[in-house]
Amino acid sequence: MESEHTISIWFFIGICLLFDGLLTFGAGLYQLGHPPVHPVVLYSLHANIWWGAVLALTGLLSGHATAPWRQKAKEK
């Protein structure tokens, strides 16, 4: 059932990706300043920083593209 005030599920997925990406990126920055005692083999690549940035950027773009205020502008 459609109504006038529906919000796409993709908007919420974008917000979740943005939030998860920011948390992962923040944890990576913290780990960069406080390295573990026993680092994993590929620690020098700092995958959590890269992956967090990719998730946050994907979430930001997805959230912006499917934002409810953009959908209202397209309908007019």
Protein backbone atom coordinates (compact mmCIF):
# COMPACT_ATOMS: atom_id res chain seq x y z
CA MET A 1 0.00 0.00 0.00
CA GLU A 2 1.52 3.28 -1.12
CA SER A 3 0.84 6.58 0.57
CA GLU A 4 2.03 10.11 -0.01
CA HIS A 5 4.67 9.91 2.71
CA THR A 6 6.62 6.76 1.91
CA ILE A 7 10.37 6.67 2.40
CA SER A 8 12.52 4.32 0.37
CA ILE A 9 14.23 1.49 2.23
CA TRP A 10 17.40 2.39 0.32
CA PHE A 11 17.56 5.69 2.21
CA PHE A 12 17.75 3.81 5.51
CA ILE A 13 20.31 1.38 4.09
CA GLY A 14 22.44 4.36 3.04
CA ILE A 15 22.18 5.84 6.54
CA CYS A 16 23.19 2.48 8.08
CA LEU A 17 26.18 2.21 5.73
CA LEU A 18 27.22 5.75 6.59
CA PHE A 19 26.97 5.06 10.33
CA ASP A 20 28.84 1.74 10.09
CA GLY A 21 31.51 3.33 7.91
CA LEU A 22 32.07 6.16 10.35
CA LEU A 23 32.37 3.71 13.25
CA THR A 24 34.80 1.49 11.34
CA PHE A 25 36.84 4.49 10.20
CA GLY A 26 36.96 5.87 13.74
CA ALA A 27 38.07 2.51 15.12
CA GLY A 28 40.78 2.38 12.48
CA LEU A 29 42.04 5.82 13.41
CA TYR A 30 42.07 4.84 17.07
CA GLN A 31 43.99 1.67 16.23
CA LEU A 32 46.45 3.73 14.19
CA GLY A 33 47.28 5.80 17.28
CA HIS A 34 47.20 2.83 19.65
CA PRO A 35 48.65 -0.16 17.74
CA PRO A 36 47.88 -3.64 19.06
CA VAL A 37 50.51 -5.58 20.98
CA HIS A 38 50.26 -8.49 18.54
CA PRO A 39 49.32 -7.03 15.13
CA VAL A 40 47.87 -9.22 12.41
CA VAL A 41 49.91 -10.00 9.30
CA LEU A 42 48.49 -7.24 7.08
CA TYR A 43 48.18 -4.60 9.82
CA SER A 44 50.33 -2.16 7.81
CA LEU A 45 47.57 -1.87 5.17
CA HIS A 46 45.11 -0.38 7.71
CA ALA A 47 42.15 -2.05 6.03
CA ASN A 48 39.66 -0.77 8.60
CA ILE A 49 40.47 2.84 7.66
CA TRP A 50 40.05 2.14 3.94
CA TRP A 51 36.95 -0.01 4.39
CA GLY A 52 35.38 2.53 6.75
CA ALA A 53 35.97 5.31 4.24
CA VAL A 54 34.47 3.23 1.41
CA LEU A 55 31.42 2.33 3.51
CA ALA A 56 30.89 5.93 4.63
CA LEU A 57 31.21 7.28 1.08
CA THR A 58 28.84 4.62 -0.28
CA GLY A 59 26.33 5.37 2.47
CA LEU A 60 26.58 9.10 1.91
CA LEU A 61 26.02 8.78 -1.83
CA SER A 62 23.23 6.24 -1.44
CA GLY A 63 21.51 8.24 1.28
CA HIS A 64 21.73 11.43 -0.72
CA ALA A 65 20.47 9.83 -3.93
CA THR A 66 17.40 8.29 -2.25
CA ALA A 67 16.68 11.04 0.27
CA PRO A 68 12.98 11.81 0.81
CA TRP A 69 13.41 15.52 0.09
CA ARG A 70 14.97 14.68 -3.30
CA GLN A 71 12.04 12.40 -4.15
CA LYS A 72 9.55 15.19 -3.43
CA ALA A 73 11.46 17.54 -5.74
CA LYS A 74 11.30 14.98 -8.58
CA GLU A 75 7.52 14.59 -8.21
CA LYS A 76 6.85 18.31 -8.68
